[in-house]
């Protein structure tokens, strides 16, 4: 592919950097949330309502990391499709096609 076609298409690749940064920040925040919730669990009475609430929150947070790979794949496919559709030449639409 000639460089002239990709010269003005670097914006799509810049989107990928923002997506990756966001996913890393989300991963770090989820990790910190797990640590904080584990500390709460250690300071509560066994069988209390507060302990069951924190335990339910931990179980809800455990679902988030399972979705991160799917989000990464969808983001990469979106960026690749944006690159492909911006590089492909567009055929003029005639009245017969419309």
PDB file of N, CA and C in Angstrom:
ATOM      1  N   UNK A   1       0.837  -1.162   0.000  1.00  0.00           N
ATOM      2  CA  UNK A   1       0.000   0.000   0.000  1.00  0.00           C
ATOM      3  C   UNK A   1       0.894   1.243   0.000  1.00  0.00           C
ATOM      4  N   UNK A   2       0.655   2.171  -0.876  1.00  0.00           N
ATOM      5  CA  UNK A   2       1.495   3.368  -0.932  1.00  0.00           C
ATOM      6  C   UNK A   2       1.350   4.208   0.333  1.00  0.00           C
ATOM      7  N   UNK A   3       2.441   4.895   0.663  1.00  0.00           N
ATOM      8  CA  UNK A   3       2.438   5.731   1.867  1.00  0.00           C
ATOM      9  C   UNK A   3       1.480   6.899   1.737  1.00  0.00           C
ATOM     10  N   UNK A   4       1.224   7.336   0.509  1.00  0.00           N
ATOM     11  CA  UNK A   4       0.328   8.480   0.332  1.00  0.00           C
ATOM     12  C   UNK A   4      -1.089   8.161   0.787  1.00  0.00           C
ATOM     13  N   UNK A   5      -1.510   6.894   0.688  1.00  0.00           N
ATOM     14  CA  UNK A   5      -2.844   6.518   1.140  1.00  0.00           C
ATOM     15  C   UNK A   5      -2.932   6.512   2.662  1.00  0.00           C
ATOM     16  N   UNK A   6      -1.864   6.144   3.343  1.00  0.00           N
ATOM     17  CA  UNK A   6      -1.877   6.052   4.795  1.00  0.00           C
ATOM     18  C   UNK A   6      -1.414   7.330   5.479  1.00  0.00           C
ATOM     19  N   UNK A   7      -0.967   8.303   4.712  1.00  0.00           N
ATOM     20  CA  UNK A   7      -0.397   9.513   5.305  1.00  0.00           C
ATOM     21  C   UNK A   7      -1.393  10.234   6.210  1.00  0.00           C
ATOM     22  N   UNK A   8      -2.638  10.343   5.796  1.00  0.00           N
ATOM     23  CA  UNK A   8      -3.622  11.064   6.596  1.00  0.00           C
ATOM     24  C   UNK A   8      -4.511  10.117   7.404  1.00  0.00           C
ATOM     25  N   UNK A   9      -4.129   8.860   7.529  1.00  0.00           N
ATOM     26  CA  UNK A   9      -4.940   7.882   8.246  1.00  0.00           C
ATOM     27  C   UNK A   9      -4.384   7.558   9.626  1.00  0.00           C
ATOM     28  N   UNK A  10      -3.448   8.323  10.102  1.00  0.00           N
ATOM     29  CA  UNK A  10      -2.838   8.039  11.394  1.00  0.00           C
ATOM     30  C   UNK A  10      -3.776   8.354  12.549  1.00  0.00           C
ATOM     31  N   UNK A  11      -4.825   9.071  12.319  1.00  0.00           N
ATOM     32  CA  UNK A  11      -5.787   9.383  13.375  1.00  0.00           C
ATOM     33  C   UNK A  11      -6.470   8.153  13.916  1.00  0.00           C
ATOM     34  N   UNK A  12      -6.759   7.169  13.045  1.00  0.00           N
ATOM     35  CA  UNK A  12      -7.391   5.941  13.502  1.00  0.00           C
ATOM     36  C   UNK A  12      -6.477   5.176  14.447  1.00  0.00           C
ATOM     37  N   UNK A  13      -5.168   5.186  14.174  1.00  0.00           N
ATOM     38  CA  UNK A  13      -4.232   4.492  15.055  1.00  0.00           C
ATOM     39  C   UNK A  13      -4.077   5.236  16.370  1.00  0.00           C
ATOM     40  N   UNK A  14      -4.268   6.534  16.374  1.00  0.00           N
ATOM     41  CA  UNK A  14      -4.241   7.305  17.607  1.00  0.00           C
ATOM     42  C   UNK A  14      -5.398   6.945  18.522  1.00  0.00           C
ATOM     43  N   UNK A  15      -6.525   6.551  17.947  1.00  0.00           N
ATOM     44  CA  UNK A  15      -7.665   6.101  18.743  1.00  0.00           C
ATOM     45  C   UNK A  15      -7.312   4.859  19.548  1.00  0.00           C
ATOM     46  N   UNK A  16      -6.488   4.006  18.991  1.00  0.00           N
ATOM     47  CA  UNK A  16      -6.107   2.768  19.662  1.00  0.00           C
ATOM     48  C   UNK A  16      -5.335   3.061  20.943  1.00  0.00           C
ATOM     49  N   UNK A  17      -4.496   4.085  20.927  1.00  0.00           N
ATOM     50  CA  UNK A  17      -3.727   4.442  22.115  1.00  0.00           C
ATOM     51  C   UNK A  17      -4.653   4.869  23.255  1.00  0.00           C
ATOM     52  N   UNK A  18      -5.656   5.638  22.970  1.00  0.00           N
ATOM     53  CA  UNK A  18      -6.609   6.061  24.001  1.00  0.00           C
ATOM     54  C   UNK A  18      -7.404   4.903  24.566  1.00  0.00           C
ATOM     55  N   UNK A  19      -7.780   3.969  23.696  1.00  0.00           N
ATOM     56  CA  UNK A  19      -8.531   2.798  24.138  1.00  0.00           C
ATOM     57  C   UNK A  19      -7.681   1.938  25.063  1.00  0.00           C
ATOM     58  N   UNK A  20      -6.421   1.720  24.693  1.00  0.00           N
ATOM     59  CA  UNK A  20      -5.524   0.902  25.516  1.00  0.00           C
ATOM     60  C   UNK A  20      -5.294   1.577  26.866  1.00  0.00           C
ATOM     61  N   UNK A  21      -5.077   2.872  26.867  1.00  0.00           N
ATOM     62  CA  UNK A  21      -4.864   3.596  28.117  1.00  0.00           C
ATOM     63  C   UNK A  21      -6.081   3.495  29.030  1.00  0.00           C
ATOM     64  N   UNK A  22      -7.261   3.619  28.469  1.00  0.00           N
ATOM     65  CA  UNK A  22      -8.484   3.497  29.254  1.00  0.00           C
ATOM     66  C   UNK A  22      -8.618   2.106  29.864  1.00  0.00           C
ATOM     67  N   UNK A  23      -8.317   1.068  29.076  1.00  0.00           N
ATOM     68  CA  UNK A  23      -8.419  -0.291  29.593  1.00  0.00           C
ATOM     69  C   UNK A  23      -7.409  -0.553  30.697  1.00  0.00           C
ATOM     70  N   UNK A  24      -6.210  -0.013  30.582  1.00  0.00           N
ATOM     71  CA  UNK A  24      -5.209  -0.177  31.635  1.00  0.00           C
ATOM     72  C   UNK A  24      -5.670   0.515  32.912  1.00  0.00           C
ATOM     73  N   UNK A  25      -6.217   1.719  32.800  1.00  0.00           N
ATOM     74  CA  UNK A  25      -6.705   2.441  33.974  1.00  0.00           C
ATOM     75  C   UNK A  25      -7.858   1.674  34.626  1.00  0.00           C
ATOM     76  N   UNK A  26      -8.770   1.136  33.825  1.00  0.00           N
ATOM     77  CA  UNK A  26      -9.880   0.348  34.374  1.00  0.00           C
ATOM     78  C   UNK A  26      -9.345  -0.881  35.095  1.00  0.00           C
ATOM     79  N   UNK A  27      -8.358  -1.545  34.516  1.00  0.00           N
ATOM     80  CA  UNK A  27      -7.764  -2.715  35.157  1.00  0.00           C
ATOM     81  C   UNK A  27      -7.125  -2.374  36.489  1.00  0.00           C
ATOM     82  N   UNK A  28      -6.421  -1.264  36.550  1.00  0.00           N
ATOM     83  CA  UNK A  28      -5.790  -0.839  37.801  1.00  0.00           C
ATOM     84  C   UNK A  28      -6.847  -0.486  38.847  1.00  0.00           C
ATOM     85  N   UNK A  29      -7.883   0.227  38.443  1.00  0.00           N
ATOM     86  CA  UNK A  29      -8.936   0.595  39.388  1.00  0.00           C
ATOM     87  C   UNK A  29      -9.680  -0.627  39.922  1.00  0.00           C
ATOM     88  N   UNK A  30      -9.915  -1.617  39.071  1.00  0.00           N
ATOM     89  CA  UNK A  30     -10.575  -2.842  39.535  1.00  0.00           C
ATOM     90  C   UNK A  30      -9.670  -3.578  40.526  1.00  0.00           C
ATOM     91  N   UNK A  31      -8.371  -3.611  40.257  1.00  0.00           N
ATOM     92  CA  UNK A  31      -7.433  -4.241  41.183  1.00  0.00           C
ATOM     93  C   UNK A  31      -7.415  -3.544  42.535  1.00  0.00           C
ATOM     94  N   UNK A  32      -7.412  -2.215  42.526  1.00  0.00           N
ATOM     95  CA  UNK A  32      -7.451  -1.458  43.777  1.00  0.00           C
ATOM     96  C   UNK A  32      -8.771  -1.693  44.511  1.00  0.00           C
ATOM     97  N   UNK A  33      -9.865  -1.777  43.766  1.00  0.00           N
ATOM     98  CA  UNK A  33     -11.167  -2.041  44.389  1.00  0.00           C
ATOM     99  C   UNK A  33     -11.164  -3.400  45.082  1.00  0.00           C
ATOM    100  N   UNK A  34     -10.555  -4.407  44.441  1.00  0.00           N
ATOM    101  CA  UNK A  34     -10.456  -5.723  45.083  1.00  0.00           C
ATOM    102  C   UNK A  34      -9.664  -5.645  46.384  1.00  0.00           C
ATOM    103  N   UNK A  35      -8.563  -4.920  46.374  1.00  0.00           N
ATOM    104  CA  UNK A  35      -7.750  -4.796  47.588  1.00  0.00           C
ATOM    105  C   UNK A  35      -8.516  -4.097  48.718  1.00  0.00           C
ATOM    106  N   UNK A  36      -9.204  -3.017  48.396  1.00  0.00           N
ATOM    107  CA  UNK A  36      -9.956  -2.275  49.404  1.00  0.00           C
ATOM    108  C   UNK A  36     -11.087  -3.128  49.970  1.00  0.00           C
ATOM    109  N   UNK A  37     -11.795  -3.842  49.098  1.00  0.00           N
ATOM    110  CA  UNK A  37     -12.901  -4.675  49.564  1.00  0.00           C
ATOM    111  C   UNK A  37     -12.404  -5.840  50.421  1.00  0.00           C
ATOM    112  N   UNK A  38     -11.245  -6.389  50.093  1.00  0.00           N
ATOM    113  CA  UNK A  38     -10.677  -7.455  50.914  1.00  0.00           C
ATOM    114  C   UNK A  38     -10.321  -6.930  52.299  1.00  0.00           C
ATOM    115  N   UNK A  39      -9.836  -5.698  52.385  1.00  0.00           N
ATOM    116  CA  UNK A  39      -9.546  -5.103  53.687  1.00  0.00           C
ATOM    117  C   UNK A  39     -10.829  -4.914  54.495  1.00  0.00           C
ATOM    118  N   UNK A  40     -11.913  -4.509  53.839  1.00  0.00           N
ATOM    119  CA  UNK A  40     -13.199  -4.384  54.530  1.00  0.00           C
ATOM    120  C   UNK A  40     -13.661  -5.732  55.058  1.00  0.00           C
ATOM    121  N   UNK A  41     -13.490  -6.772  54.264  1.00  0.00           N
ATOM    122  CA  UNK A  41     -13.922  -8.116  54.678  1.00  0.00           C
ATOM    123  C   UNK A  41     -13.189  -8.554  55.947  1.00  0.00           C
ATOM    124  N   UNK A  42     -11.926  -8.202  56.058  1.00  0.00           N
ATOM    125  CA  UNK A  42     -11.145  -8.606  57.225  1.00  0.00           C
ATOM    126  C   UNK A  42     -11.528  -7.887  58.496  1.00  0.00           C
ATOM    127  N   UNK A  43     -12.153  -6.720  58.373  1.00  0.00           N
ATOM    128  CA  UNK A  43     -12.480  -5.933  59.562  1.00  0.00           C
ATOM    129  C   UNK A  43     -13.934  -6.061  59.994  1.00  0.00           C
ATOM    130  N   UNK A  44     -14.711  -6.925  59.360  1.00  0.00           N
ATOM    131  CA  UNK A  44     -16.135  -7.054  59.690  1.00  0.00           C
ATOM    132  C   UNK A  44     -16.402  -8.342  60.450  1.00  0.00           C
ATOM    133  N   UNK A  45     -17.510  -8.325  61.153  1.00  0.00           N
ATOM    134  CA  UNK A  45     -17.929  -9.521  61.880  1.00  0.00           C
ATOM    135  C   UNK A  45     -18.411 -10.576  60.898  1.00  0.00           C
ATOM    136  N   UNK A  46     -18.095 -11.836  61.197  1.00  0.00           N
ATOM    137  CA  UNK A  46     -18.526 -12.933  60.337  1.00  0.00           C
ATOM    138  C   UNK A  46     -20.044 -13.065  60.408  1.00  0.00           C
ATOM    139  N   UNK A  47     -20.677 -13.186  59.250  1.00  0.00           N
ATOM    140  CA  UNK A  47     -22.122 -13.380  59.184  1.00  0.00           C
ATOM    141  C   UNK A  47     -22.932 -12.106  59.273  1.00  0.00           C
ATOM    142  N   UNK A  48     -22.296 -10.939  59.328  1.00  0.00           N
ATOM    143  CA  UNK A  48     -23.059  -9.687  59.436  1.00  0.00           C
ATOM    144  C   UNK A  48     -23.602  -9.287  58.067  1.00  0.00           C
ATOM    145  N   UNK A  49     -24.552  -8.374  58.111  1.00  0.00           N
ATOM    146  CA  UNK A  49     -25.157  -7.887  56.868  1.00  0.00           C
ATOM    147  C   UNK A  49     -24.137  -7.102  56.040  1.00  0.00           C
ATOM    148  N   UNK A  50     -23.262  -6.368  56.715  1.00  0.00           N
ATOM    149  CA  UNK A  50     -22.232  -5.598  56.017  1.00  0.00           C
ATOM    150  C   UNK A  50     -21.265  -6.538  55.289  1.00  0.00           C
ATOM    151  N   UNK A  51     -20.921  -7.639  55.937  1.00  0.00           N
ATOM    152  CA  UNK A  51     -20.013  -8.592  55.296  1.00  0.00           C
ATOM    153  C   UNK A  51     -20.652  -9.214  54.060  1.00  0.00           C
ATOM    154  N   UNK A  52     -21.916  -9.540  54.136  1.00  0.00           N
ATOM    155  CA  UNK A  52     -22.583 -10.115  52.963  1.00  0.00           C
ATOM    156  C   UNK A  52     -22.695  -9.091  51.835  1.00  0.00           C
ATOM    157  N   UNK A  53     -22.875  -7.811  52.191  1.00  0.00           N
ATOM    158  CA  UNK A  53     -22.927  -6.760  51.165  1.00  0.00           C
ATOM    159  C   UNK A  53     -21.594  -6.588  50.462  1.00  0.00           C
ATOM    160  N   UNK A  54     -20.512  -6.605  51.243  1.00  0.00           N
ATOM    161  CA  UNK A  54     -19.177  -6.489  50.641  1.00  0.00           C
ATOM    162  C   UNK A  54     -18.873  -7.712  49.800  1.00  0.00           C
ATOM    163  N   UNK A  55     -19.288  -8.875  50.268  1.00  0.00           N
ATOM    164  CA  UNK A  55     -19.063 -10.112  49.511  1.00  0.00           C
ATOM    165  C   UNK A  55     -19.813 -10.079  48.174  1.00  0.00           C
ATOM    166  N   UNK A  56     -21.041  -9.570  48.174  1.00  0.00           N
ATOM    167  CA  UNK A  56     -21.797  -9.440  46.922  1.00  0.00           C
ATOM    168  C   UNK A  56     -21.122  -8.452  45.970  1.00  0.00           C
ATOM    169  N   UNK A  57     -20.569  -7.384  46.531  1.00  0.00           N
ATOM    170  CA  UNK A  57     -19.858  -6.409  45.699  1.00  0.00           C
ATOM    171  C   UNK A  57     -18.616  -7.031  45.073  1.00  0.00           C
ATOM    172  N   UNK A  58     -17.891  -7.824  45.829  1.00  0.00           N
ATOM    173  CA  UNK A  58     -16.707  -8.511  45.295  1.00  0.00           C
ATOM    174  C   UNK A  58     -17.120  -9.457  44.169  1.00  0.00           C
ATOM    175  N   UNK A  59     -18.210 -10.182  44.363  1.00  0.00           N
ATOM    176  CA  UNK A  59     -18.685 -11.098  43.318  1.00  0.00           C
ATOM    177  C   UNK A  59     -19.079 -10.335  42.055  1.00  0.00           C
ATOM    178  N   UNK A  60     -19.669  -9.142  42.209  1.00  0.00           N
ATOM    179  CA  UNK A  60     -20.029  -8.327  41.042  1.00  0.00           C
ATOM    180  C   UNK A  60     -18.784  -7.821  40.328  1.00  0.00           C
ATOM    181  N   UNK A  61     -17.759  -7.403  41.092  1.00  0.00           N
ATOM    182  CA  UNK A  61     -16.514  -6.916  40.487  1.00  0.00           C
ATOM    183  C   UNK A  61     -15.758  -8.026  39.766  1.00  0.00           C
ATOM    184  N   UNK A  62     -15.940  -9.253  40.160  1.00  0.00           N
ATOM    185  CA  UNK A  62     -15.231 -10.362  39.515  1.00  0.00           C
ATOM    186  C   UNK A  62     -15.664 -10.551  38.063  1.00  0.00           C
ATOM    187  N   UNK A  63     -16.814 -10.032  37.680  1.00  0.00           N
ATOM    188  CA  UNK A  63     -17.297 -10.165  36.301  1.00  0.00           C
ATOM    189  C   UNK A  63     -16.583  -9.207  35.347  1.00  0.00           C
ATOM    190  N   UNK A  64     -16.090  -8.085  35.856  1.00  0.00           N
ATOM    191  CA  UNK A  64     -15.483  -7.056  35.001  1.00  0.00           C
ATOM    192  C   UNK A  64     -14.253  -7.566  34.255  1.00  0.00           C
ATOM    193  N   UNK A  65     -13.277  -8.221  34.907  1.00  0.00           N
ATOM    194  CA  UNK A  65     -12.093  -8.672  34.158  1.00  0.00           C
ATOM    195  C   UNK A  65     -12.389  -9.692  33.069  1.00  0.00           C
ATOM    196  N   UNK A  66     -13.501 -10.406  33.161  1.00  0.00           N
ATOM    197  CA  UNK A  66     -13.823 -11.376  32.104  1.00  0.00           C
ATOM    198  C   UNK A  66     -14.243 -10.679  30.819  1.00  0.00           C
ATOM    199  N   UNK A  67     -14.718  -9.440  30.915  1.00  0.00           N
ATOM    200  CA  UNK A  67     -15.148  -8.717  29.722  1.00  0.00           C
ATOM    201  C   UNK A  67     -14.035  -7.909  29.064  1.00  0.00           C
ATOM    202  N   UNK A  68     -12.923  -7.675  29.745  1.00  0.00           N
ATOM    203  CA  UNK A  68     -11.855  -6.840  29.186  1.00  0.00           C
ATOM    204  C   UNK A  68     -11.288  -7.394  27.875  1.00  0.00           C
ATOM    205  N   UNK A  69     -11.015  -8.702  27.737  1.00  0.00           N
ATOM    206  CA  UNK A  69     -10.520  -9.187  26.431  1.00  0.00           C
ATOM    207  C   UNK A  69     -11.514  -8.975  25.294  1.00  0.00           C
ATOM    208  N   UNK A  70     -12.798  -9.122  25.581  1.00  0.00           N
ATOM    209  CA  UNK A  70     -13.815  -8.906  24.549  1.00  0.00           C
ATOM    210  C   UNK A  70     -13.833  -7.438  24.134  1.00  0.00           C
ATOM    211  N   UNK A  71     -13.713  -6.538  25.093  1.00  0.00           N
ATOM    212  CA  UNK A  71     -13.694  -5.108  24.792  1.00  0.00           C
ATOM    213  C   UNK A  71     -12.466  -4.753  23.959  1.00  0.00           C
ATOM    214  N   UNK A  72     -11.326  -5.363  24.268  1.00  0.00           N
ATOM    215  CA  UNK A  72     -10.096  -5.109  23.501  1.00  0.00           C
ATOM    216  C   UNK A  72     -10.277  -5.562  22.055  1.00  0.00           C
ATOM    217  N   UNK A  73     -10.833  -6.746  21.856  1.00  0.00           N
ATOM    218  CA  UNK A  73     -11.023  -7.264  20.494  1.00  0.00           C
ATOM    219  C   UNK A  73     -11.977  -6.375  19.710  1.00  0.00           C
ATOM    220  N   UNK A  74     -13.070  -5.967  20.321  1.00  0.00           N
ATOM    221  CA  UNK A  74     -14.038  -5.104  19.631  1.00  0.00           C
ATOM    222  C   UNK A  74     -13.404  -3.759  19.280  1.00  0.00           C
ATOM    223  N   UNK A  75     -12.599  -3.204  20.176  1.00  0.00           N
ATOM    224  CA  UNK A  75     -11.945  -1.916  19.908  1.00  0.00           C
ATOM    225  C   UNK A  75     -10.960  -2.037  18.759  1.00  0.00           C
ATOM    226  N   UNK A  76     -10.164  -3.103  18.740  1.00  0.00           N
ATOM    227  CA  UNK A  76      -9.184  -3.280  17.663  1.00  0.00           C
ATOM    228  C   UNK A  76      -9.887  -3.491  16.330  1.00  0.00           C
ATOM    229  N   UNK A  77     -10.951  -4.287  16.325  1.00  0.00           N
ATOM    230  CA  UNK A  77     -11.701  -4.493  15.081  1.00  0.00           C
ATOM    231  C   UNK A  77     -12.312  -3.178  14.602  1.00  0.00           C
ATOM    232  N   UNK A  78     -12.811  -2.365  15.518  1.00  0.00           N
ATOM    233  CA  UNK A  78     -13.370  -1.066  15.138  1.00  0.00           C
ATOM    234  C   UNK A  78     -12.339  -0.156  14.513  1.00  0.00           C
ATOM    235  N   UNK A  79     -11.142  -0.117  15.089  1.00  0.00           N
ATOM    236  CA  UNK A  79     -10.076   0.723  14.528  1.00  0.00           C
ATOM    237  C   UNK A  79      -9.652   0.192  13.163  1.00  0.00           C
ATOM    238  N   UNK A  80      -9.522  -1.127  13.036  1.00  0.00           N
ATOM    239  CA  UNK A  80      -9.144  -1.706  11.737  1.00  0.00           C
ATOM    240  C   UNK A  80     -10.198  -1.437  10.668  1.00  0.00           C
ATOM    241  N   UNK A  81     -11.468  -1.552  11.032  1.00  0.00           N
ATOM    242  CA  UNK A  81     -12.527  -1.247  10.064  1.00  0.00           C
ATOM    243  C   UNK A  81     -12.502   0.228   9.665  1.00  0.00           C
ATOM    244  N   UNK A  82     -12.217   1.100  10.614  1.00  0.00           N
ATOM    245  CA  UNK A  82     -12.121   2.529  10.279  1.00  0.00           C
ATOM    246  C   UNK A  82     -10.982   2.779   9.302  1.00  0.00           C
ATOM    247  N   UNK A  83      -9.860   2.094   9.492  1.00  0.00           N
ATOM    248  CA  UNK A  83      -8.731   2.246   8.572  1.00  0.00           C
ATOM    249  C   UNK A  83      -9.087   1.714   7.198  1.00  0.00           C
ATOM    250  N   UNK A  84      -9.689   0.522   7.152  1.00  0.00           N
ATOM    251  CA  UNK A  84     -10.026  -0.093   5.860  1.00  0.00           C
ATOM    252  C   UNK A  84     -11.024   0.762   5.099  1.00  0.00           C
ATOM    253  N   UNK A  85     -12.070   1.230   5.780  1.00  0.00           N
ATOM    254  CA  UNK A  85     -13.081   2.008   5.077  1.00  0.00           C
ATOM    255  C   UNK A  85     -12.595   3.395   4.677  1.00  0.00           C
ATOM    256  N   UNK A  86     -11.599   3.922   5.374  1.00  0.00           N
ATOM    257  CA  UNK A  86     -11.092   5.232   4.977  1.00  0.00           C
ATOM    258  C   UNK A  86     -10.058   5.123   3.859  1.00  0.00           C
ATOM    259  N   UNK A  87      -9.447   3.951   3.685  1.00  0.00           N
ATOM    260  CA  UNK A  87      -8.436   3.770   2.643  1.00  0.00           C
ATOM    261  C   UNK A  87      -9.072   3.357   1.321  1.00  0.00           C
ATOM    262  N   UNK A  88     -10.142   2.574   1.386  1.00  0.00           N
ATOM    263  CA  UNK A  88     -10.765   2.092   0.161  1.00  0.00           C
ATOM    264  C   UNK A  88     -11.312   3.258  -0.656  1.00  0.00           C
ATOM    265  N   UNK A  89     -11.085   3.212  -1.973  1.00  0.00           N
ATOM    266  CA  UNK A  89     -11.655   4.279  -2.807  1.00  0.00           C
ATOM    267  C   UNK A  89     -13.170   4.140  -2.861  1.00  0.00           C
ATOM    268  N   UNK A  90     -13.820   5.261  -2.856  1.00  0.00           N
ATOM    269  CA  UNK A  90     -15.282   5.252  -2.887  1.00  0.00           C
ATOM    270  C   UNK A  90     -15.750   5.430  -4.324  1.00  0.00           C
ATOM    271  N   UNK A  91     -16.667   4.550  -4.729  1.00  0.00           N
ATOM    272  CA  UNK A  91     -17.228   4.636  -6.073  1.00  0.00           C
ATOM    273  C   UNK A  91     -18.310   5.713  -6.065  1.00  0.00           C
ATOM    274  N   UNK A  92     -18.368   6.506  -7.117  1.00  0.00           N
ATOM    275  CA  UNK A  92     -19.412   7.520  -7.169  1.00  0.00           C
ATOM    276  C   UNK A  92     -20.785   6.867  -7.293  1.00  0.00           C
ATOM    277  N   UNK A  93     -21.758   7.420  -6.613  1.00  0.00           N
ATOM    278  CA  UNK A  93     -23.121   6.879  -6.644  1.00  0.00           C
ATOM    279  C   UNK A  93     -23.859   7.538  -7.796  1.00  0.00           C
ATOM    280  N   UNK A  94     -24.387   6.719  -8.680  1.00  0.00           N
ATOM    281  CA  UNK A  94     -25.202   7.237  -9.786  1.00  0.00           C
ATOM    282  C   UNK A  94     -26.649   7.148  -9.407  1.00  0.00           C
ATOM    283  N   UNK A  95     -27.514   7.765 -10.200  1.00  0.00           N
ATOM    284  CA  UNK A  95     -28.942   7.741  -9.898  1.00  0.00           C
ATOM    285  C   UNK A  95     -29.507   6.339 -10.056  1.00  0.00           C
ATOM    286  N   UNK A  96     -28.936   5.526 -10.907  1.00  0.00           N
ATOM    287  CA  UNK A  96     -29.437   4.165 -11.096  1.00  0.00           C
ATOM    288  C   UNK A  96     -29.156   3.328  -9.838  1.00  0.00           C
ATOM    289  N   UNK A  97     -28.042   3.595  -9.143  1.00  0.00           N
ATOM    290  CA  UNK A  97     -27.718   2.840  -7.936  1.00  0.00           C
ATOM    291  C   UNK A  97     -28.531   3.339  -6.740  1.00  0.00           C
ATOM    292  N   UNK A  98     -28.864   4.594  -6.726  1.00  0.00           N
ATOM    293  CA  UNK A  98     -29.584   5.164  -5.592  1.00  0.00           C
ATOM    294  C   UNK A  98     -31.017   4.788  -5.700  1.00  0.00           C
TER     295      UNK A  98
END
